[in-house]
Amino acid sequence: MFTGIVEALGEVVDITREGTNITFKLRCPFTNELKIDQSLSHNGVCLTVIDISDNTYSVTAIDETLQKTNLGKLQIGTKVNLERCMAANGRFDGHIVQGHVDQTGICTNIQPQNGSWLFDFKYSPDSHNVTVEKGSICINGTSLTVFNSEPDAFRVAIIPYTYENTIFHALKIGDEVNLEFDIVGKYIKRMMNL
């Protein structure tokens, strides 16, 4: 389980295709603290560390993951948001994040606000995911609060710290992002539909 509080940026240093899977080799500030079999969130996608060598580590994304996330679009040099799983004795600073992306969305607008930024996102309503006003959303592994919630769109506000220390500073209009909708909201929606 994760909290959506991005710990560091990682950089893709190698990409290897193996059938329908892709193995990514990355470098990050805490590579020397990782261990094989550890779960690590990459832009909100939970992947298992399979190798550690030469100050880099490797993870593999299967076809199912590549089809439902933006990981297949990563290139050498791309930066990704990273978060190690939550320690059971730690503070719960974000919200409950499983690292299981529900679908992708598209950045439709970015508005500078004299020190902060407003980001608008649109997503396909076909999957029946929902946001709620002042509810939580996880975008590329970053826990954020929704406002201007619509059936297929929402807005978030980004403070300078988040902008500078996550991949939000590199996000452009038209970019695809990974979305994990609030787990509590998903369970309530499922119970209401039964």
Protein backbone atom coordinates (compact mmCIF):
# COMPACT_ATOMS: atom_id res chain seq x y z
CA MET A 1 0.00 0.00 0.00
CA PHE A 2 1.12 3.55 -0.77
CA THR A 3 0.05 7.04 0.28
CA GLY A 4 0.56 9.03 -2.92
CA ILE A 5 3.32 11.13 -1.37
CA VAL A 6 6.07 11.06 -4.00
CA GLU A 7 9.42 10.26 -2.41
CA ALA A 8 11.79 10.95 -5.31
CA LEU A 9 12.11 11.16 -9.07
CA GLY A 10 13.64 8.23 -10.88
CA GLU A 11 15.18 8.26 -14.35
CA VAL A 12 14.74 5.52 -16.95
CA VAL A 13 18.21 4.45 -18.12
CA ASP A 14 17.36 1.35 -20.18
CA ILE A 15 14.30 -0.32 -21.72
CA THR A 16 14.23 -3.98 -22.78
CA ARG A 17 11.29 -5.62 -24.54
CA GLU A 18 10.74 -9.30 -23.72
CA GLY A 19 7.75 -10.61 -25.66
CA THR A 20 4.82 -8.45 -24.55
CA ASN A 21 6.60 -7.36 -21.35
CA ILE A 22 8.94 -4.41 -20.86
CA THR A 23 11.75 -4.34 -18.30
CA PHE A 24 12.74 -0.85 -17.21
CA LYS A 25 16.11 -0.10 -15.63
CA LEU A 26 16.04 3.04 -13.49
CA ARG A 27 18.31 5.16 -11.30
CA CYS A 28 17.07 6.98 -8.20
CA PRO A 29 18.47 8.55 -5.00
CA PHE A 30 17.56 5.53 -2.85
CA THR A 31 18.63 2.68 -5.16
CA ASN A 32 21.14 1.48 -2.55
CA GLU A 33 18.27 1.07 -0.03
CA LEU A 34 16.13 -1.16 -2.29
CA LYS A 35 15.93 -4.92 -2.14
CA ILE A 36 14.79 -7.52 -4.65
CA ASP A 37 11.04 -8.37 -4.34
CA GLN A 38 10.27 -4.90 -2.95
CA SER A 39 7.15 -3.11 -4.20
CA LEU A 40 7.77 0.35 -5.62
CA SER A 41 5.26 2.77 -7.15
CA HIS A 42 6.28 4.14 -10.59
CA ASN A 43 3.95 6.97 -11.67
CA GLY A 44 1.36 5.28 -9.46
CA VAL A 45 1.94 1.74 -10.76
CA CYS A 46 3.07 -0.87 -8.24
CA LEU A 47 6.00 -2.84 -9.73
CA THR A 48 8.36 -5.37 -8.14
CA VAL A 49 12.11 -4.80 -8.03
CA ILE A 50 13.67 -7.78 -9.86
CA ASP A 51 17.34 -6.75 -10.06
CA ILE A 52 19.74 -4.26 -8.48
CA SER A 53 23.17 -3.54 -9.96
CA ASP A 54 25.55 -0.64 -10.69
CA ASN A 55 23.40 1.90 -8.78
CA THR A 56 20.35 0.97 -10.88
CA TYR A 57 17.38 -1.31 -10.35
CA SER A 58 15.01 -3.12 -12.73
CA VAL A 59 11.26 -3.72 -12.79
CA THR A 60 9.07 -5.48 -15.35
CA ALA A 61 5.66 -4.34 -16.57
CA ILE A 62 3.45 -7.01 -18.16
CA ASP A 63 1.17 -6.38 -21.14
CA GLU A 64 -1.92 -5.88 -18.91
CA THR A 65 -0.11 -3.08 -17.07
CA LEU A 66 1.20 -1.53 -20.28
CA GLN A 67 -2.31 -1.49 -21.79
CA LYS A 68 -3.89 0.28 -18.80
CA THR A 69 -1.16 2.79 -17.90
CA ASN A 70 1.21 5.26 -19.54
CA LEU A 71 4.31 3.16 -18.76
CA GLY A 72 4.55 1.92 -22.36
CA LYS A 73 5.28 5.50 -23.42
CA LEU A 74 8.35 5.86 -21.17
CA GLN A 75 11.63 6.52 -22.95
CA ILE A 76 15.26 6.53 -21.87
CA GLY A 77 15.77 9.74 -19.89
CA THR A 78 12.11 9.99 -18.81
CA LYS A 79 11.59 10.92 -15.17
CA VAL A 80 9.01 9.04 -13.08
CA ASN A 81 7.45 9.65 -9.67
CA LEU A 82 8.61 7.05 -7.14
CA GLU A 83 7.25 5.99 -3.78
CA ARG A 84 8.25 3.02 -1.64
CA CYS A 85 5.41 1.20 0.09
CA MET A 86 4.17 2.68 3.34
CA ALA A 87 5.88 1.53 6.52
CA ALA A 88 3.34 0.17 9.00
CA ASN A 89 4.75 2.42 11.73
CA GLY A 90 4.80 5.60 9.60
CA ARG A 91 2.53 8.59 9.22
CA PHE A 92 -0.28 8.34 6.71
CA ASP A 93 0.23 11.66 4.91
CA GLY A 94 -1.68 11.17 1.64
CA HIS A 95 -4.58 8.77 1.11
CA ILE A 96 -4.92 5.01 0.61
CA VAL A 97 -3.26 4.22 -2.73
CA GLN A 98 -2.95 0.63 -3.94
CA GLY A 99 -0.68 1.21 -6.93
CA HIS A 100 -3.37 -0.29 -9.18
CA VAL A 101 -4.12 2.22 -11.94
CA ASP A 102 -7.81 2.31 -12.90
CA GLN A 103 -7.35 4.08 -16.23
CA THR A 104 -5.45 6.86 -17.93
CA GLY A 105 -6.54 10.44 -18.47
CA ILE A 106 -5.35 13.40 -20.52
CA CYS A 107 -4.11 16.76 -19.27
CA THR A 108 -6.39 19.31 -20.97
CA ASN A 109 -5.31 22.60 -19.42
CA ILE A 110 -2.59 24.11 -17.23
CA GLN A 111 -3.13 27.52 -15.65
CA PRO A 112 -0.36 29.30 -13.71
CA GLN A 113 -1.84 31.01 -10.64
CA ASN A 114 0.95 33.36 -9.51
CA GLY A 115 2.80 30.77 -7.45
CA SER A 116 0.68 27.67 -7.93
CA TRP A 117 -0.88 25.86 -10.89
CA LEU A 118 -4.31 24.50 -11.84
CA PHE A 119 -4.30 21.30 -13.90
CA ASP A 120 -7.39 19.99 -15.69
CA PHE A 121 -7.80 16.34 -16.67
CA LYS A 122 -10.33 14.47 -18.78
CA TYR A 123 -10.95 10.72 -18.73
CA SER A 124 -13.28 8.27 -20.45
CA PRO A 125 -16.51 7.80 -18.48
CA ASP A 126 -16.90 4.33 -20.06
CA SER A 127 -15.12 2.68 -17.12
CA HIS A 128 -17.63 4.29 -14.69
CA ASN A 129 -14.96 5.70 -12.38
CA VAL A 130 -16.01 8.76 -10.41
CA THR A 131 -14.46 11.69 -8.61
CA VAL A 132 -16.13 13.67 -5.86
CA GLU A 133 -15.67 17.31 -4.94
CA LYS A 134 -12.83 17.60 -2.37
CA GLY A 135 -12.21 13.85 -2.67
CA SER A 136 -8.88 12.18 -3.37
CA ILE A 137 -7.32 11.19 -6.69
CA CYS A 138 -3.92 9.74 -7.46
CA ILE A 139 -2.30 11.16 -10.63
CA ASN A 140 0.94 9.50 -11.72
CA GLY A 141 1.36 8.35 -8.12
CA THR A 142 0.70 11.77 -6.55
CA SER A 143 -2.10 12.09 -3.97
CA LEU A 144 -4.20 15.18 -4.75
CA THR A 145 -7.56 16.75 -3.92
CA VAL A 146 -10.22 17.01 -6.64
CA PHE A 147 -12.35 20.03 -7.36
CA ASN A 148 -14.59 21.00 -10.30
CA SER A 149 -15.58 17.32 -10.36
CA GLU A 150 -17.55 16.31 -13.46
CA PRO A 151 -18.59 12.88 -14.82
CA ASP A 152 -15.49 12.77 -17.08
CA ALA A 153 -13.20 15.55 -15.86
CA PHE A 154 -11.75 17.23 -12.80
CA ARG A 155 -9.22 19.84 -11.69
CA VAL A 156 -6.42 19.80 -9.11
CA ALA A 157 -4.28 22.58 -7.67
CA ILE A 158 -0.52 22.07 -7.47
CA ILE A 159 1.61 23.89 -4.91
CA PRO A 160 5.22 24.88 -5.77
CA TYR A 161 6.76 22.04 -3.71
CA THR A 162 4.72 19.38 -5.54
CA TYR A 163 5.32 21.06 -8.90
CA GLU A 164 9.10 21.05 -8.44
CA ASN A 165 9.51 17.64 -6.75
CA THR A 166 7.25 15.52 -8.98
CA ILE A 167 6.89 15.18 -12.74
CA PHE A 168 4.16 17.87 -12.75
CA HIS A 169 6.82 20.43 -13.78
CA ALA A 170 7.30 18.46 -17.02
CA LEU A 171 3.62 17.75 -17.74
CA LYS A 172 2.19 19.31 -20.90
CA ILE A 173 -1.32 19.69 -22.31
CA GLY A 174 -2.14 16.47 -24.16
CA ASP A 175 0.06 14.25 -21.95
CA GLU A 176 -1.41 10.97 -20.75
CA VAL A 177 -1.42 10.34 -16.98
CA ASN A 178 -2.17 7.33 -14.77
CA LEU A 179 -5.28 7.68 -12.60
CA GLU A 180 -6.15 5.72 -9.49
CA PHE A 181 -9.52 6.75 -8.14
CA ASP A 182 -10.21 6.86 -4.40
CA ILE A 183 -10.55 3.31 -3.00
CA VAL A 184 -13.26 4.30 -0.51
CA GLY A 185 -15.28 5.90 -3.30
CA LYS A 186 -14.87 2.78 -5.46
CA TYR A 187 -16.25 0.53 -2.72
CA ILE A 188 -19.18 2.85 -1.99
CA LYS A 189 -20.02 3.05 -5.69
CA ARG A 190 -19.93 -0.74 -5.98
CA MET A 191 -22.21 -1.17 -2.94
CA MET A 192 -24.67 1.39 -4.29
CA ASN A 193 -24.83 -0.42 -7.64
CA LEU A 194 -25.60 -3.84 -6.10
